[in-house]
Protein backbone atom coordinates (compact mmCIF):
# COMPACT_ATOMS: atom_id res chain seq x y z
CA UNK A 1 178.24 50.39 66.29
CA UNK A 2 177.74 49.69 70.02
CA UNK A 3 175.55 46.75 70.96
CA UNK A 4 172.32 47.25 72.89
CA UNK A 5 169.76 45.28 74.81
CA UNK A 6 166.79 44.89 72.50
CA UNK A 7 163.26 43.65 72.94
CA UNK A 8 160.44 43.12 70.43
CA UNK A 9 156.81 43.75 71.37
CA UNK A 10 153.99 42.38 69.22
CA UNK A 11 150.38 43.46 69.68
CA UNK A 12 148.18 40.55 68.60
CA UNK A 13 145.38 43.08 68.15
CA UNK A 14 141.87 41.96 69.07
CA UNK A 15 140.43 44.45 66.60
CA UNK A 16 140.12 44.48 62.84
CA UNK A 17 142.87 47.02 62.18
CA UNK A 18 145.67 44.57 61.28
CA UNK A 19 144.96 41.77 58.83
CA UNK A 20 144.94 38.30 60.37
CA UNK A 21 147.26 37.11 57.61
CA UNK A 22 149.87 39.70 58.59
CA UNK A 23 149.49 38.90 62.29
CA UNK A 24 149.77 35.14 61.73
CA UNK A 25 152.77 35.55 59.45
CA UNK A 26 154.52 37.87 61.90
CA UNK A 27 153.84 35.54 64.81
CA UNK A 28 155.21 32.56 62.87
CA UNK A 29 158.33 34.51 61.87
CA UNK A 30 159.02 35.57 65.48
CA UNK A 31 158.59 31.99 66.74
CA UNK A 32 160.98 30.57 64.15
CA UNK A 33 163.80 33.04 64.90
CA UNK A 34 165.96 33.83 67.91
CA UNK A 35 164.58 37.07 69.28
CA UNK A 36 163.55 38.38 72.68
CA UNK A 37 159.79 38.77 72.21
CA UNK A 38 156.79 39.73 74.32
CA UNK A 39 153.42 39.11 72.71
CA UNK A 40 150.49 41.14 74.03
CA UNK A 41 147.10 39.61 73.39
CA UNK A 42 145.88 43.20 73.04
CA UNK A 43 148.17 46.11 73.87
CA UNK A 44 145.19 48.49 74.22
CA UNK A 45 143.61 46.28 76.87
CA UNK A 46 146.85 45.76 78.78
CA UNK A 47 147.67 49.48 78.70
CA UNK A 48 144.22 50.39 80.05
CA UNK A 49 143.76 47.79 82.78
CA UNK A 50 147.24 46.38 83.53
CA UNK A 51 149.52 49.39 83.35
CA UNK A 52 151.66 47.97 86.17
CA UNK A 53 152.26 44.80 84.14
CA UNK A 54 153.16 46.86 81.09
CA UNK A 55 155.60 48.96 83.11
CA UNK A 56 157.23 45.84 84.54
CA UNK A 57 158.24 44.76 81.02
CA UNK A 58 160.14 48.01 80.39
CA UNK A 59 163.84 48.14 81.26
CA UNK A 60 166.24 51.05 81.15
CA UNK A 61 168.97 51.15 78.50
CA UNK A 62 166.89 48.94 76.23
CA UNK A 63 165.61 49.57 72.74
CA UNK A 64 162.14 48.33 71.87
CA UNK A 65 160.58 47.60 68.51
CA UNK A 66 156.79 47.68 68.85
CA UNK A 67 154.84 45.89 66.13
CA UNK A 68 151.23 47.05 65.98
CA UNK A 69 149.04 49.76 64.51
CA UNK A 70 149.90 53.42 63.86
CA UNK A 71 153.08 54.72 65.60
CA UNK A 72 151.20 57.79 66.88
CA UNK A 73 148.74 55.54 68.69
CA UNK A 74 151.40 53.16 70.04
CA UNK A 75 153.51 56.05 71.33
CA UNK A 76 150.55 57.53 73.23
CA UNK A 77 149.64 54.16 74.74
CA UNK A 78 153.09 53.81 76.28
CA UNK A 79 153.41 57.45 77.34
CA UNK A 80 150.03 57.49 79.08
CA UNK A 81 150.05 54.05 80.71
CA UNK A 82 153.66 53.42 81.74
CA UNK A 83 154.18 53.99 85.46
CA UNK A 84 157.92 54.53 85.18
CA UNK A 85 160.02 57.12 83.42
CA UNK A 86 160.67 56.39 79.74
CA UNK A 87 163.64 58.74 79.61
CA UNK A 88 166.29 56.01 79.17
CA UNK A 89 164.09 53.71 77.07
CA UNK A 90 164.07 53.95 73.29
CA UNK A 91 161.11 52.96 71.15
CA UNK A 92 160.78 52.22 67.47
CA UNK A 93 157.40 51.45 65.94
CA UNK A 94 156.39 49.28 63.00
CA UNK A 95 152.98 49.83 61.44
CA UNK A 96 151.62 46.38 60.53
CA UNK A 97 148.46 47.94 59.08
CA UNK A 98 150.38 49.29 56.11
CA UNK A 99 153.66 47.33 56.01
CA UNK A 100 153.88 44.17 53.85
CA UNK A 101 154.96 41.02 55.71
CA UNK A 102 158.26 40.61 53.86
CA UNK A 103 159.28 44.20 54.60
CA UNK A 104 158.23 43.82 58.24
CA UNK A 105 160.48 40.77 58.54
CA UNK A 106 163.42 42.69 57.08
CA UNK A 107 162.87 45.54 59.55
CA UNK A 108 162.77 43.11 62.48
CA UNK A 109 166.01 41.44 61.34
CA UNK A 110 167.74 44.81 60.94
CA UNK A 111 166.54 45.90 64.38
CA UNK A 112 167.78 42.73 66.08
CA UNK A 113 171.23 42.87 64.50
CA UNK A 114 173.85 43.49 67.18
CA UNK A 115 171.52 42.83 70.11
CA UNK A 116 172.97 41.80 73.47
CA UNK A 117 169.68 40.41 74.77
CA UNK A 118 169.17 36.73 75.46
CA UNK A 119 166.52 34.92 73.45
CA UNK A 120 163.20 34.66 75.30
CA UNK A 121 159.47 34.68 74.72
CA UNK A 122 156.57 35.62 76.97
CA UNK A 123 152.89 36.42 76.54
CA UNK A 124 150.87 39.02 78.41
CA UNK A 125 147.10 38.76 78.22
CA UNK A 126 144.50 41.44 78.69
CA UNK A 127 140.91 40.91 79.75
CA UNK A 128 139.54 38.23 77.38
CA UNK A 129 135.98 39.39 78.00
CA UNK A 130 136.61 43.00 76.98
CA UNK A 131 137.13 44.24 73.42
CA UNK A 132 139.20 47.19 74.73
CA UNK A 133 137.25 49.76 72.73
CA UNK A 134 138.02 53.09 74.41
CA UNK A 135 139.48 56.52 73.64
CA UNK A 136 142.96 57.86 74.22
CA UNK A 137 143.69 61.59 74.16
CA UNK A 138 146.46 63.18 72.11
CA UNK A 139 147.42 65.98 74.49
CA UNK A 140 149.54 67.67 71.82
CA UNK A 141 146.21 68.53 70.15
CA UNK A 142 143.80 68.71 73.10
CA UNK A 143 142.66 72.22 74.15
CA UNK A 144 140.87 71.01 77.35
CA UNK A 145 137.53 72.31 76.07
CA UNK A 146 135.77 69.36 77.77
CA UNK A 147 133.20 68.75 75.03
CA UNK A 148 134.02 65.03 75.09
CA UNK A 149 133.31 64.80 78.83
CA UNK A 150 130.07 66.80 78.49
CA UNK A 151 128.92 64.63 75.61
CA UNK A 152 129.72 61.20 77.06
CA UNK A 153 126.84 59.64 78.99
CA UNK A 154 128.85 56.85 80.58
CA UNK A 155 131.46 58.51 82.79
CA UNK A 156 134.41 57.64 80.58
CA UNK A 157 135.99 61.07 81.04
CA UNK A 158 136.86 63.34 83.93
CA UNK A 159 137.45 67.01 83.20
CA UNK A 160 139.14 69.76 85.18
CA UNK A 161 140.43 73.20 84.15
CA UNK A 162 143.88 71.65 83.74
CA UNK A 163 143.17 68.40 81.92
CA UNK A 164 140.62 65.99 80.52
CA UNK A 165 141.33 62.37 81.45
CA UNK A 166 139.99 58.96 80.47
CA UNK A 167 139.15 57.44 83.87
CA UNK A 168 136.67 54.70 82.98
CA UNK A 169 137.72 53.03 79.71
CA UNK A 170 135.42 50.05 80.28
CA UNK A 171 132.44 52.40 80.40
CA UNK A 172 132.86 53.20 76.71
CA UNK A 173 130.31 51.63 74.39
CA UNK A 174 131.78 49.28 71.80
CA UNK A 175 132.13 50.76 68.29
CA UNK A 176 130.90 54.22 69.38
CA UNK A 177 133.44 56.94 68.44
CA UNK A 178 130.95 59.84 68.71
CA UNK A 179 133.00 61.85 71.24
CA UNK A 180 135.94 61.79 68.83
CA UNK A 181 133.68 62.94 66.01
CA UNK A 182 132.69 66.11 67.87
CA UNK A 183 136.15 66.91 69.27
CA UNK A 184 137.03 70.31 67.72
CA UNK A 185 140.75 69.55 67.89
CA UNK A 186 140.69 65.98 66.50
CA UNK A 187 142.51 65.01 69.70
CA UNK A 188 140.66 61.77 70.50
CA UNK A 189 141.84 58.43 69.11
CA UNK A 190 140.05 55.11 69.11
CA UNK A 191 142.84 52.62 68.34
CA UNK A 192 140.38 50.01 67.05
CA UNK A 193 138.47 52.43 64.80
CA UNK A 194 139.12 50.82 61.44
CA UNK A 195 138.33 53.73 59.12
CA UNK A 196 141.57 55.59 59.77
CA UNK A 197 141.95 59.35 59.83
CA UNK A 198 142.60 61.29 63.03
CA UNK A 199 140.02 59.19 64.92
CA UNK A 200 141.83 55.99 63.97
CA UNK A 201 145.20 57.36 65.09
CA UNK A 202 146.71 57.90 61.65
CA UNK A 203 150.12 59.55 61.67
CA UNK A 204 149.32 61.85 58.76
CA UNK A 205 146.27 64.02 59.42
CA UNK A 206 144.57 65.98 56.64
CA UNK A 207 143.64 69.02 58.72
CA UNK A 208 141.31 70.49 56.10
CA UNK A 209 139.44 67.21 55.63
CA UNK A 210 139.19 66.71 59.40
CA UNK A 211 137.75 70.21 59.86
CA UNK A 212 135.11 69.55 57.22
CA UNK A 213 134.25 66.19 58.77
CA UNK A 214 133.98 67.74 62.25
CA UNK A 215 131.52 70.37 61.05
CA UNK A 216 129.32 67.74 59.44
CA UNK A 217 129.50 65.38 62.43
CA UNK A 218 128.80 68.10 65.00
CA UNK A 219 125.77 69.29 63.05
CA UNK A 220 124.40 65.77 62.64
CA UNK A 221 125.07 64.70 66.25
CA UNK A 222 124.43 67.91 68.23
CA UNK A 223 122.37 70.08 65.91
CA UNK A 224 122.54 73.87 65.64
CA UNK A 225 122.81 74.71 69.35
CA UNK A 226 125.89 72.84 70.47
CA UNK A 227 125.94 74.24 74.02
CA UNK A 228 122.30 73.41 74.70
CA UNK A 229 122.82 69.88 73.34
CA UNK A 230 125.85 69.37 75.57
CA UNK A 231 123.97 70.65 78.63
CA UNK A 232 121.17 68.16 77.93
CA UNK A 233 123.72 65.36 77.58
CA UNK A 234 125.34 66.39 80.87
CA UNK A 235 121.98 66.30 82.65
CA UNK A 236 121.22 62.92 81.11
CA UNK A 237 124.58 61.56 82.29
CA UNK A 238 123.88 62.72 85.85
CA UNK A 239 120.50 61.02 85.68
CA UNK A 240 122.09 57.75 84.51
CA UNK A 241 124.65 57.90 87.34
CA UNK A 242 121.88 58.43 89.91
CA UNK A 243 119.88 55.53 88.44
CA UNK A 244 122.90 53.22 88.64
CA UNK A 245 123.63 54.30 92.22
CA UNK A 246 120.01 53.61 93.18
CA UNK A 247 120.11 50.15 91.56
CA UNK A 248 123.29 49.32 93.46
CA UNK A 249 121.79 50.55 96.74
CA UNK A 250 118.63 48.43 96.25
CA UNK A 251 120.73 45.37 95.40
CA UNK A 252 122.88 45.82 98.51
CA UNK A 253 119.75 46.31 100.62
CA UNK A 254 118.20 43.11 99.26
CA UNK A 255 121.37 41.13 99.97
CA UNK A 256 121.38 42.42 103.56
CA UNK A 257 117.69 41.54 104.03
CA UNK A 258 118.29 38.02 102.69
CA UNK A 259 121.15 37.50 105.14
CA UNK A 260 118.94 38.62 108.03
CA UNK A 261 116.11 36.31 106.92
CA UNK A 262 118.49 33.33 106.66
CA UNK A 263 119.92 34.05 110.09
CA UNK A 264 116.42 33.99 111.57
């Protein structure tokens, strides 16, 4: 078997998805052995706000083993945040949510066997003041209906006829997955949502159960007239944006007045 350059990524998740015992044990194991390792304080946060840094760690003709949450979620994080082509980069994913520590260690050892890469270790930190709670969109399921963008009050999404995008991840309110609950295609993932299912990024989706959940959530959140409810939310969002713009304008005006007064 030909030898390859290999690199191990570990997401030291700042959520509650992966048990601290598993994370600590994995970290200890990686430190005690001769691997090439990059530890991300929080892969979600780095992918959202430091995509250039994430891209800089990726090298062509290299195989990566990513230790973190669900493979579906990890795959989307790299596909949507990497600024370079991933065509000649191979990824394997290890789900630390569901994999026992001893088995995870065996998988890492098997992966590293035959590697050409030199031993190294680096750490990449996200924003320590941000919990990195935000949505990512699974475009293989998204129908571009735009309900998520119409529902969200905080400008997290931008919608066009071609695509719905997450443009303001920091605008998302911590522990609120409501937009994912009303998505008719179960296309929205919150990586730190700890209850699993399609919203939590699970690889296996029970379509029938998700459809039943969606109906219940839409009725409880939006009521009988979905379109009217979404129009009201849209108007409310526009009002919030205007209020924020006015606050910023008043603040800038006051700063300017203070500078004039000091100069006099």
